[in-house]
Amino acid sequence: LVEALGWIRQFRDRYVVIKLGGSALEDPESVHRCLGDVMFMEAVGMRPILVHGGGKSISAAMKESGIEPRFVQGRRYTDDATMDIVARVLAEEICESLVDEIRRQGGRAVGMHYKSMNVLVGEPLQLPDENGQPIDLGRVGQVVDIQREALLATCRSGTIPVLPSVALDRDGQKLNVNADTAAAALARMLKAEKFVFLSDVPGIFRDRKDPSTLISHLTAAQCRELIADGTIDAGMVPKVEAALEALAAGVRKIHIVDAGIPHSLLLEIYQDKGVGTEIVGG
């Protein structure tokens, strides 16, 4: 606690965007602990904002409805029927369950999305094929703006905002957005003190098969080198690329942390040496 005190003072009134995803969302005990940590951060003066996805739950709900999930360049093709399922699962099921859990633990939280007070403003995502022609992704979007004042007023009131990765376009149409990139866009636009990935991996390894090779500190330049030489690969690449964009836009520090480790969020933020990987500019 003595070690944490200096960090608590330093981070008072600073914004931290926390993206909760991966199999961490499937484990009620991990979710319970992580939300307790988020509540602690709010109680000691930080301004946490929680963003979540829910890919596994969406795929399961689609199969129950007789729709086979289809992915194009890593993005879930989203027709109108799929969009209805995505919105229901993320906003009406997962988001509300996270809000309810925070309230059960004695905290204050509110879901901020198309059914309440929307925060994420999006536009259709345009990706080129090998010939440079736009790929039809359906209602897949990217975050281009946020309803800043509503979000910050919620934070200032001592309430934790919980945002599912569904955006509204300028015409009020729902868009399915990737949770990592949505959280990164939010962190960029707020110039947050910290942007945290809470997932099912402890961080970045020099050798994924050897837990002792966890890298605790990286610069942006070192991350680019590790992507180039293949050390950072597969699903970690888009996370790190989103992190680098956030750093370039003014976010102070990125953290990648395993939600399965008890109190990993607090250990990472409020200790001199954390339990995951931190990434800084430079």
C-alpha atoms as a PDB file:
ATOM      1  CA  LEU A   1       0.000   0.000   0.000  1.00  0.00           C
ATOM      2  CA  VAL A   2       2.880   2.382   0.748  1.00  0.00           C
ATOM      3  CA  GLU A   3       4.285   1.738  -2.735  1.00  0.00           C
ATOM      4  CA  ALA A   4       0.838   2.276  -4.253  1.00  0.00           C
ATOM      5  CA  LEU A   5       0.274   5.603  -2.495  1.00  0.00           C
ATOM      6  CA  GLY A   6       2.555   7.587  -4.803  1.00  0.00           C
ATOM      7  CA  TRP A   7       0.883   6.148  -7.892  1.00  0.00           C
ATOM      8  CA  ILE A   8      -2.581   6.796  -6.440  1.00  0.00           C
ATOM      9  CA  ARG A   9      -1.715  10.465  -5.981  1.00  0.00           C
ATOM     10  CA  GLN A  10      -0.167  10.712  -9.455  1.00  0.00           C
ATOM     11  CA  PHE A  11      -3.159   9.171 -11.240  1.00  0.00           C
ATOM     12  CA  ARG A  12      -5.927  11.080  -9.449  1.00  0.00           C
ATOM     13  CA  ASP A  13      -8.508  12.410 -11.947  1.00  0.00           C
ATOM     14  CA  ARG A  14      -6.677  10.726 -14.856  1.00  0.00           C
ATOM     15  CA  TYR A  15      -8.608   8.683 -17.395  1.00  0.00           C
ATOM     16  CA  VAL A  16      -7.857   5.019 -18.006  1.00  0.00           C
ATOM     17  CA  VAL A  17      -9.543   3.036 -20.785  1.00  0.00           C
ATOM     18  CA  ILE A  18      -9.817  -0.672 -19.964  1.00  0.00           C
ATOM     19  CA  LYS A  19     -10.691  -3.157 -22.674  1.00  0.00           C
ATOM     20  CA  LEU A  20     -12.064  -6.418 -21.285  1.00  0.00           C
ATOM     21  CA  GLY A  21     -12.079  -9.284 -23.733  1.00  0.00           C
ATOM     22  CA  GLY A  22     -10.969 -12.762 -24.669  1.00  0.00           C
ATOM     23  CA  SER A  23     -11.881 -15.743 -22.544  1.00  0.00           C
ATOM     24  CA  ALA A  24     -11.723 -13.420 -19.507  1.00  0.00           C
ATOM     25  CA  LEU A  25     -15.353 -12.564 -20.276  1.00  0.00           C
ATOM     26  CA  GLU A  26     -16.273 -16.260 -20.135  1.00  0.00           C
ATOM     27  CA  ASP A  27     -14.999 -16.760 -16.567  1.00  0.00           C
ATOM     28  CA  PRO A  28     -17.345 -15.286 -13.929  1.00  0.00           C
ATOM     29  CA  GLU A  29     -14.654 -15.348 -11.236  1.00  0.00           C
ATOM     30  CA  SER A  30     -12.203 -13.380 -13.411  1.00  0.00           C
ATOM     31  CA  VAL A  31     -14.929 -10.881 -14.285  1.00  0.00           C
ATOM     32  CA  HIS A  32     -15.846 -10.489 -10.598  1.00  0.00           C
ATOM     33  CA  ARG A  33     -12.224  -9.789  -9.621  1.00  0.00           C
ATOM     34  CA  CYS A  34     -11.517  -7.456 -12.543  1.00  0.00           C
ATOM     35  CA  LEU A  35     -14.597  -5.358 -11.885  1.00  0.00           C
ATOM     36  CA  GLY A  36     -13.637  -5.150  -8.217  1.00  0.00           C
ATOM     37  CA  ASP A  37     -10.248  -3.799  -9.306  1.00  0.00           C
ATOM     38  CA  VAL A  38     -11.931  -1.245 -11.590  1.00  0.00           C
ATOM     39  CA  MET A  39     -14.093  -0.136  -8.661  1.00  0.00           C
ATOM     40  CA  PHE A  40     -10.973   0.297  -6.511  1.00  0.00           C
ATOM     41  CA  MET A  41      -9.410   2.504  -9.180  1.00  0.00           C
ATOM     42  CA  GLU A  42     -12.509   4.701  -9.235  1.00  0.00           C
ATOM     43  CA  ALA A  43     -12.624   4.827  -5.427  1.00  0.00           C
ATOM     44  CA  VAL A  44      -9.042   6.154  -5.205  1.00  0.00           C
ATOM     45  CA  GLY A  45      -9.618   8.886  -7.771  1.00  0.00           C
ATOM     46  CA  MET A  46      -8.925   7.491 -11.238  1.00  0.00           C
ATOM     47  CA  ARG A  47     -11.535   7.746 -13.997  1.00  0.00           C
ATOM     48  CA  PRO A  48     -11.899   4.220 -15.426  1.00  0.00           C
ATOM     49  CA  ILE A  49     -13.901   3.573 -18.605  1.00  0.00           C
ATOM     50  CA  LEU A  50     -14.664  -0.044 -19.487  1.00  0.00           C
ATOM     51  CA  VAL A  51     -14.985  -1.203 -23.114  1.00  0.00           C
ATOM     52  CA  HIS A  52     -15.875  -4.796 -23.986  1.00  0.00           C
ATOM     53  CA  GLY A  53     -16.465  -7.102 -26.898  1.00  0.00           C
ATOM     54  CA  GLY A  54     -17.941 -10.586 -26.821  1.00  0.00           C
ATOM     55  CA  GLY A  55     -16.984 -12.504 -29.940  1.00  0.00           C
ATOM     56  CA  LYS A  56     -17.536 -16.001 -28.550  1.00  0.00           C
ATOM     57  CA  SER A  57     -20.993 -15.155 -27.226  1.00  0.00           C
ATOM     58  CA  ILE A  58     -21.934 -13.542 -30.546  1.00  0.00           C
ATOM     59  CA  SER A  59     -20.849 -16.622 -32.517  1.00  0.00           C
ATOM     60  CA  ALA A  60     -22.827 -18.888 -30.175  1.00  0.00           C
ATOM     61  CA  ALA A  61     -25.948 -16.725 -30.513  1.00  0.00           C
ATOM     62  CA  MET A  62     -25.604 -16.691 -34.301  1.00  0.00           C
ATOM     63  CA  LYS A  63     -25.405 -20.473 -34.449  1.00  0.00           C
ATOM     64  CA  GLU A  64     -28.491 -20.729 -32.228  1.00  0.00           C
ATOM     65  CA  SER A  65     -30.278 -18.544 -34.799  1.00  0.00           C
ATOM     66  CA  GLY A  66     -29.064 -20.709 -37.672  1.00  0.00           C
ATOM     67  CA  ILE A  67     -26.567 -18.150 -39.000  1.00  0.00           C
ATOM     68  CA  GLU A  68     -23.042 -19.382 -39.699  1.00  0.00           C
ATOM     69  CA  PRO A  69     -20.428 -16.778 -38.678  1.00  0.00           C
ATOM     70  CA  ARG A  70     -18.314 -15.581 -41.620  1.00  0.00           C
ATOM     71  CA  PHE A  71     -15.099 -13.606 -41.345  1.00  0.00           C
ATOM     72  CA  VAL A  72     -13.513 -11.415 -44.022  1.00  0.00           C
ATOM     73  CA  GLN A  73      -9.945 -10.246 -43.366  1.00  0.00           C
ATOM     74  CA  GLY A  74     -10.459 -10.998 -39.692  1.00  0.00           C
ATOM     75  CA  ARG A  75     -13.704  -8.988 -39.470  1.00  0.00           C
ATOM     76  CA  ARG A  76     -17.089 -10.560 -38.800  1.00  0.00           C
ATOM     77  CA  TYR A  77     -19.269 -10.038 -41.879  1.00  0.00           C
ATOM     78  CA  THR A  78     -22.304  -8.232 -40.468  1.00  0.00           C
ATOM     79  CA  ASP A  79     -25.586  -8.227 -42.364  1.00  0.00           C
ATOM     80  CA  ASP A  80     -28.759  -6.829 -40.777  1.00  0.00           C
ATOM     81  CA  ALA A  81     -29.650 -10.099 -39.035  1.00  0.00           C
ATOM     82  CA  THR A  82     -26.135 -10.446 -37.646  1.00  0.00           C
ATOM     83  CA  MET A  83     -26.157  -6.806 -36.507  1.00  0.00           C
ATOM     84  CA  ASP A  84     -29.324  -7.435 -34.508  1.00  0.00           C
ATOM     85  CA  ILE A  85     -27.630 -10.352 -32.744  1.00  0.00           C
ATOM     86  CA  VAL A  86     -24.390  -8.419 -32.148  1.00  0.00           C
ATOM     87  CA  ALA A  87     -26.280  -5.490 -30.635  1.00  0.00           C
ATOM     88  CA  ARG A  88     -28.451  -7.682 -28.426  1.00  0.00           C
ATOM     89  CA  VAL A  89     -25.576  -9.798 -27.111  1.00  0.00           C
ATOM     90  CA  LEU A  90     -23.200  -6.899 -26.485  1.00  0.00           C
ATOM     91  CA  ALA A  91     -25.504  -4.141 -25.217  1.00  0.00           C
ATOM     92  CA  GLU A  92     -28.453  -5.995 -23.711  1.00  0.00           C
ATOM     93  CA  GLU A  93     -26.683  -9.049 -22.313  1.00  0.00           C
ATOM     94  CA  ILE A  94     -22.941  -8.638 -21.670  1.00  0.00           C
ATOM     95  CA  CYS A  95     -22.943  -4.898 -20.946  1.00  0.00           C
ATOM     96  CA  GLU A  96     -25.899  -5.115 -18.593  1.00  0.00           C
ATOM     97  CA  SER A  97     -24.391  -8.110 -16.795  1.00  0.00           C
ATOM     98  CA  LEU A  98     -21.163  -6.140 -16.201  1.00  0.00           C
ATOM     99  CA  VAL A  99     -23.128  -3.141 -14.926  1.00  0.00           C
ATOM    100  CA  ASP A 100     -25.182  -5.398 -12.641  1.00  0.00           C
ATOM    101  CA  GLU A 101     -22.026  -7.027 -11.245  1.00  0.00           C
ATOM    102  CA  ILE A 102     -20.447  -3.664 -10.409  1.00  0.00           C
ATOM    103  CA  ARG A 103     -23.645  -2.634  -8.648  1.00  0.00           C
ATOM    104  CA  ARG A 104     -23.771  -5.930  -6.743  1.00  0.00           C
ATOM    105  CA  GLN A 105     -20.285  -5.170  -5.449  1.00  0.00           C
ATOM    106  CA  GLY A 106     -21.420  -1.762  -4.231  1.00  0.00           C
ATOM    107  CA  GLY A 107     -20.186   0.381  -7.110  1.00  0.00           C
ATOM    108  CA  ARG A 108     -21.916   2.731  -9.521  1.00  0.00           C
ATOM    109  CA  ALA A 109     -21.970   1.911 -13.226  1.00  0.00           C
ATOM    110  CA  VAL A 110     -24.030   2.618 -16.317  1.00  0.00           C
ATOM    111  CA  GLY A 111     -24.136   1.085 -19.773  1.00  0.00           C
ATOM    112  CA  MET A 112     -23.584   3.742 -22.448  1.00  0.00           C
ATOM    113  CA  HIS A 113     -24.822   2.602 -25.843  1.00  0.00           C
ATOM    114  CA  TYR A 114     -27.591   2.975 -28.425  1.00  0.00           C
ATOM    115  CA  LYS A 115     -30.340   2.074 -25.924  1.00  0.00           C
ATOM    116  CA  SER A 116     -29.281   4.652 -23.337  1.00  0.00           C
ATOM    117  CA  MET A 117     -26.712   7.408 -23.931  1.00  0.00           C
ATOM    118  CA  ASN A 118     -24.572   6.516 -26.930  1.00  0.00           C
ATOM    119  CA  VAL A 119     -20.868   7.443 -26.845  1.00  0.00           C
ATOM    120  CA  LEU A 120     -19.202   5.755 -29.832  1.00  0.00           C
ATOM    121  CA  VAL A 121     -19.828   7.445 -33.199  1.00  0.00           C
ATOM    122  CA  GLY A 122     -18.833   5.414 -36.234  1.00  0.00           C
ATOM    123  CA  GLU A 123     -18.732   5.161 -39.986  1.00  0.00           C
ATOM    124  CA  PRO A 124     -18.533   2.097 -42.259  1.00  0.00           C
ATOM    125  CA  LEU A 125     -15.102   0.483 -42.370  1.00  0.00           C
ATOM    126  CA  GLN A 126     -13.592   0.369 -45.856  1.00  0.00           C
ATOM    127  CA  LEU A 127     -10.952  -2.318 -46.433  1.00  0.00           C
ATOM    128  CA  PRO A 128      -9.385  -2.927 -49.871  1.00  0.00           C
ATOM    129  CA  ASP A 129      -9.011  -6.333 -51.524  1.00  0.00           C
ATOM    130  CA  GLU A 130      -5.854  -7.411 -53.371  1.00  0.00           C
ATOM    131  CA  ASN A 131      -6.903  -5.250 -56.342  1.00  0.00           C
ATOM    132  CA  GLY A 132      -7.574  -2.179 -54.233  1.00  0.00           C
ATOM    133  CA  GLN A 133     -11.345  -2.526 -54.515  1.00  0.00           C
ATOM    134  CA  PRO A 134     -13.511  -2.063 -51.381  1.00  0.00           C
ATOM    135  CA  ILE A 135     -14.579  -5.256 -49.634  1.00  0.00           C
ATOM    136  CA  ASP A 136     -18.203  -5.671 -48.615  1.00  0.00           C
ATOM    137  CA  LEU A 137     -18.168  -6.135 -44.836  1.00  0.00           C
ATOM    138  CA  GLY A 138     -21.812  -5.247 -44.294  1.00  0.00           C
ATOM    139  CA  ARG A 139     -22.402  -3.165 -41.180  1.00  0.00           C
ATOM    140  CA  VAL A 140     -18.843  -3.272 -39.869  1.00  0.00           C
ATOM    141  CA  GLY A 141     -17.631   0.128 -38.716  1.00  0.00           C
ATOM    142  CA  GLN A 142     -14.860   2.101 -37.111  1.00  0.00           C
ATOM    143  CA  VAL A 143     -15.044   4.747 -34.392  1.00  0.00           C
ATOM    144  CA  VAL A 144     -14.476   8.268 -35.729  1.00  0.00           C
ATOM    145  CA  ASP A 145     -15.816  10.396 -32.871  1.00  0.00           C
ATOM    146  CA  ILE A 146     -17.169  10.191 -29.328  1.00  0.00           C
ATOM    147  CA  GLN A 147     -19.883  11.956 -27.357  1.00  0.00           C
ATOM    148  CA  ARG A 148     -17.228  13.386 -25.094  1.00  0.00           C
ATOM    149  CA  GLU A 149     -19.197  15.559 -22.688  1.00  0.00           C
ATOM    150  CA  ALA A 150     -21.727  12.867 -21.790  1.00  0.00           C
ATOM    151  CA  LEU A 151     -18.918  10.392 -21.138  1.00  0.00           C
ATOM    152  CA  LEU A 152     -16.826  12.733 -18.998  1.00  0.00           C
ATOM    153  CA  ALA A 153     -19.843  13.902 -17.005  1.00  0.00           C
ATOM    154  CA  THR A 154     -20.567  10.272 -16.162  1.00  0.00           C
ATOM    155  CA  CYS A 155     -16.979   9.746 -15.002  1.00  0.00           C
ATOM    156  CA  ARG A 156     -17.018  12.916 -12.910  1.00  0.00           C
ATOM    157  CA  SER A 157     -20.179  11.740 -11.152  1.00  0.00           C
ATOM    158  CA  GLY A 158     -18.330   8.749  -9.707  1.00  0.00           C
ATOM    159  CA  THR A 159     -20.019   6.332 -12.110  1.00  0.00           C
ATOM    160  CA  ILE A 160     -18.094   3.799 -14.207  1.00  0.00           C
ATOM    161  CA  PRO A 161     -19.140   3.903 -17.896  1.00  0.00           C
ATOM    162  CA  VAL A 162     -19.427   0.483 -19.560  1.00  0.00           C
ATOM    163  CA  LEU A 163     -19.332   0.618 -23.370  1.00  0.00           C
ATOM    164  CA  PRO A 164     -20.084  -2.316 -25.698  1.00  0.00           C
ATOM    165  CA  SER A 165     -18.307  -2.251 -29.052  1.00  0.00           C
ATOM    166  CA  VAL A 166     -21.352  -1.040 -31.008  1.00  0.00           C
ATOM    167  CA  ALA A 167     -21.272   2.428 -32.587  1.00  0.00           C
ATOM    168  CA  LEU A 168     -23.966   4.583 -34.163  1.00  0.00           C
ATOM    169  CA  ASP A 169     -23.368   6.372 -37.444  1.00  0.00           C
ATOM    170  CA  ARG A 170     -24.541   9.948 -38.110  1.00  0.00           C
ATOM    171  CA  ASP A 171     -27.935   8.597 -39.187  1.00  0.00           C
ATOM    172  CA  GLY A 172     -28.390   6.533 -36.028  1.00  0.00           C
ATOM    173  CA  GLN A 173     -27.682   3.175 -37.685  1.00  0.00           C
ATOM    174  CA  LYS A 174     -25.848   0.584 -35.588  1.00  0.00           C
ATOM    175  CA  LEU A 175     -22.363  -0.574 -36.614  1.00  0.00           C
ATOM    176  CA  ASN A 176     -20.359  -3.560 -35.388  1.00  0.00           C
ATOM    177  CA  VAL A 177     -16.891  -2.314 -34.377  1.00  0.00           C
ATOM    178  CA  ASN A 178     -13.846  -4.276 -33.230  1.00  0.00           C
ATOM    179  CA  ALA A 179     -13.535  -3.865 -29.458  1.00  0.00           C
ATOM    180  CA  ASP A 180      -9.735  -3.434 -29.494  1.00  0.00           C
ATOM    181  CA  THR A 181      -9.825  -0.650 -32.072  1.00  0.00           C
ATOM    182  CA  ALA A 182     -12.906   0.956 -30.472  1.00  0.00           C
ATOM    183  CA  ALA A 183     -11.139   1.110 -27.105  1.00  0.00           C
ATOM    184  CA  ALA A 184      -7.968   2.422 -28.762  1.00  0.00           C
ATOM    185  CA  ALA A 185      -9.936   5.164 -30.533  1.00  0.00           C
ATOM    186  CA  LEU A 186     -11.568   6.146 -27.245  1.00  0.00           C
ATOM    187  CA  ALA A 187      -8.177   6.275 -25.498  1.00  0.00           C
ATOM    188  CA  ARG A 188      -6.758   8.389 -28.346  1.00  0.00           C
ATOM    189  CA  MET A 189      -9.610  10.881 -28.324  1.00  0.00           C
ATOM    190  CA  LEU A 190      -9.433  11.274 -24.545  1.00  0.00           C
ATOM    191  CA  LYS A 191      -5.605  11.291 -24.515  1.00  0.00           C
ATOM    192  CA  ALA A 192      -5.994   8.879 -21.617  1.00  0.00           C
ATOM    193  CA  GLU A 193      -3.272   8.381 -19.037  1.00  0.00           C
ATOM    194  CA  LYS A 194      -3.454   4.629 -19.634  1.00  0.00           C
ATOM    195  CA  PHE A 195      -4.984   2.130 -22.024  1.00  0.00           C
ATOM    196  CA  VAL A 196      -5.208  -1.406 -20.628  1.00  0.00           C
ATOM    197  CA  PHE A 197      -5.918  -4.655 -22.478  1.00  0.00           C
ATOM    198  CA  LEU A 198      -7.371  -7.114 -19.940  1.00  0.00           C
ATOM    199  CA  SER A 199      -7.415 -10.423 -21.746  1.00  0.00           C
ATOM    200  CA  ASP A 200      -6.417 -14.071 -21.441  1.00  0.00           C
ATOM    201  CA  VAL A 201      -2.708 -13.515 -22.144  1.00  0.00           C
ATOM    202  CA  PRO A 202      -0.154 -12.169 -19.621  1.00  0.00           C
ATOM    203  CA  GLY A 203       1.570  -9.868 -22.106  1.00  0.00           C
ATOM    204  CA  ILE A 204       4.208 -10.085 -24.837  1.00  0.00           C
ATOM    205  CA  PHE A 205       6.755 -12.923 -24.767  1.00  0.00           C
ATOM    206  CA  ARG A 206      10.042 -13.373 -26.583  1.00  0.00           C
ATOM    207  CA  ASP A 207       9.039 -17.045 -26.735  1.00  0.00           C
ATOM    208  CA  ARG A 208       5.353 -17.798 -26.200  1.00  0.00           C
ATOM    209  CA  LYS A 209       6.210 -21.345 -25.094  1.00  0.00           C
ATOM    210  CA  ASP A 210       8.405 -20.056 -22.257  1.00  0.00           C
ATOM    211  CA  PRO A 211       6.575 -18.048 -19.550  1.00  0.00           C
ATOM    212  CA  SER A 212       9.899 -16.774 -18.203  1.00  0.00           C
ATOM    213  CA  THR A 213      10.389 -14.696 -21.378  1.00  0.00           C
ATOM    214  CA  LEU A 214       7.584 -12.233 -20.588  1.00  0.00           C
ATOM    215  CA  ILE A 215       8.758  -8.730 -21.546  1.00  0.00           C
ATOM    216  CA  SER A 216       7.763  -6.249 -18.854  1.00  0.00           C
ATOM    217  CA  HIS A 217       8.689  -3.013 -20.660  1.00  0.00           C
ATOM    218  CA  LEU A 218       8.784  -2.067 -24.352  1.00  0.00           C
ATOM    219  CA  THR A 219       9.055   1.124 -26.354  1.00  0.00           C
ATOM    220  CA  ALA A 220       7.022   1.735 -29.498  1.00  0.00           C
ATOM    221  CA  ALA A 221      10.170   1.293 -31.613  1.00  0.00           C
ATOM    222  CA  GLN A 222      10.935  -2.054 -29.976  1.00  0.00           C
ATOM    223  CA  CYS A 223       7.353  -3.190 -30.652  1.00  0.00           C
ATOM    224  CA  ARG A 224       7.751  -2.416 -34.347  1.00  0.00           C
ATOM    225  CA  GLU A 225      10.960  -4.463 -34.418  1.00  0.00           C
ATOM    226  CA  LEU A 226       9.225  -7.412 -32.716  1.00  0.00           C
ATOM    227  CA  ILE A 227       6.358  -7.264 -35.227  1.00  0.00           C
ATOM    228  CA  ALA A 228       8.853  -7.163 -38.106  1.00  0.00           C
ATOM    229  CA  ASP A 229      10.816 -10.198 -36.866  1.00  0.00           C
ATOM    230  CA  GLY A 230       7.681 -12.211 -36.044  1.00  0.00           C
ATOM    231  CA  THR A 231       8.077 -12.271 -32.255  1.00  0.00           C
ATOM    232  CA  ILE A 232       4.768 -10.419 -32.013  1.00  0.00           C
ATOM    233  CA  ASP A 233       2.410 -12.347 -34.278  1.00  0.00           C
ATOM    234  CA  ALA A 234      -1.131 -13.587 -34.814  1.00  0.00           C
ATOM    235  CA  GLY A 235      -3.809 -11.940 -32.676  1.00  0.00           C
ATOM    236  CA  MET A 236      -1.301  -9.852 -30.734  1.00  0.00           C
ATOM    237  CA  VAL A 237      -0.393  -7.799 -33.835  1.00  0.00           C
ATOM    238  CA  PRO A 238      -3.661  -5.799 -34.115  1.00  0.00           C
ATOM    239  CA  LYS A 239      -3.611  -5.192 -30.346  1.00  0.00           C
ATOM    240  CA  VAL A 240      -0.085  -3.786 -30.465  1.00  0.00           C
ATOM    241  CA  GLU A 241      -0.786  -1.754 -33.616  1.00  0.00           C
ATOM    242  CA  ALA A 242      -3.834  -0.223 -31.891  1.00  0.00           C
ATOM    243  CA  ALA A 243      -1.611   0.489 -28.881  1.00  0.00           C
ATOM    244  CA  LEU A 244       1.000   2.240 -31.029  1.00  0.00           C
ATOM    245  CA  GLU A 245      -1.657   4.466 -32.624  1.00  0.00           C
ATOM    246  CA  ALA A 246      -2.897   5.402 -29.155  1.00  0.00           C
ATOM    247  CA  LEU A 247       0.623   6.270 -27.985  1.00  0.00           C
ATOM    248  CA  ALA A 248       1.205   8.419 -31.072  1.00  0.00           C
ATOM    249  CA  ALA A 249      -2.005  10.332 -30.282  1.00  0.00           C
ATOM    250  CA  GLY A 250      -0.929  11.184 -26.740  1.00  0.00           C
ATOM    251  CA  VAL A 251      -1.883   8.231 -24.528  1.00  0.00           C
ATOM    252  CA  ARG A 252       0.850   7.976 -21.895  1.00  0.00           C
ATOM    253  CA  LYS A 253       1.190   4.220 -21.439  1.00  0.00           C
ATOM    254  CA  ILE A 254      -0.303   0.924 -22.665  1.00  0.00           C
ATOM    255  CA  HIS A 255      -0.623  -2.220 -20.548  1.00  0.00           C
ATOM    256  CA  ILE A 256      -1.350  -5.808 -21.623  1.00  0.00           C
ATOM    257  CA  VAL A 257      -2.437  -7.867 -18.612  1.00  0.00           C
ATOM    258  CA  ASP A 258      -3.856 -11.334 -17.897  1.00  0.00           C
ATOM    259  CA  ALA A 259      -7.301 -10.997 -16.327  1.00  0.00           C
ATOM    260  CA  GLY A 260      -6.915 -14.505 -14.899  1.00  0.00           C
ATOM    261  CA  ILE A 261      -4.236 -13.381 -12.415  1.00  0.00           C
ATOM    262  CA  PRO A 262      -5.958 -12.198  -9.211  1.00  0.00           C
ATOM    263  CA  HIS A 263      -5.867  -8.395  -8.987  1.00  0.00           C
ATOM    264  CA  SER A 264      -3.589  -8.171 -12.039  1.00  0.00           C
ATOM    265  CA  LEU A 265      -5.007  -4.754 -12.924  1.00  0.00           C
ATOM    266  CA  LEU A 266      -4.059  -3.238  -9.564  1.00  0.00           C
ATOM    267  CA  LEU A 267      -0.678  -4.984  -9.499  1.00  0.00           C
ATOM    268  CA  GLU A 268       0.109  -3.590 -12.944  1.00  0.00           C
ATOM    269  CA  ILE A 269      -1.019  -0.017 -12.296  1.00  0.00           C
ATOM    270  CA  TYR A 270      -0.021   0.581  -8.682  1.00  0.00           C
ATOM    271  CA  GLN A 271       3.365  -1.168  -8.457  1.00  0.00           C
ATOM    272  CA  ASP A 272       6.766  -0.062  -9.729  1.00  0.00           C
ATOM    273  CA  LYS A 273       7.118  -3.416 -11.523  1.00  0.00           C
ATOM    274  CA  GLY A 274       3.855  -4.810 -12.822  1.00  0.00           C
ATOM    275  CA  VAL A 275       2.743  -8.276 -13.863  1.00  0.00           C
ATOM    276  CA  GLY A 276       2.173  -7.748 -17.595  1.00  0.00           C
ATOM    277  CA  THR A 277       3.747  -5.813 -20.462  1.00  0.00           C
ATOM    278  CA  GLU A 278       3.799  -2.015 -20.528  1.00  0.00           C
ATOM    279  CA  ILE A 279       4.430  -0.078 -23.748  1.00  0.00           C
ATOM    280  CA  VAL A 280       5.574   3.535 -23.848  1.00  0.00           C
ATOM    281  CA  GLY A 281       6.377   5.974 -26.644  1.00  0.00           C
ATOM    282  CA  GLY A 282       9.815   6.268 -28.162  1.00  0.00           C
END
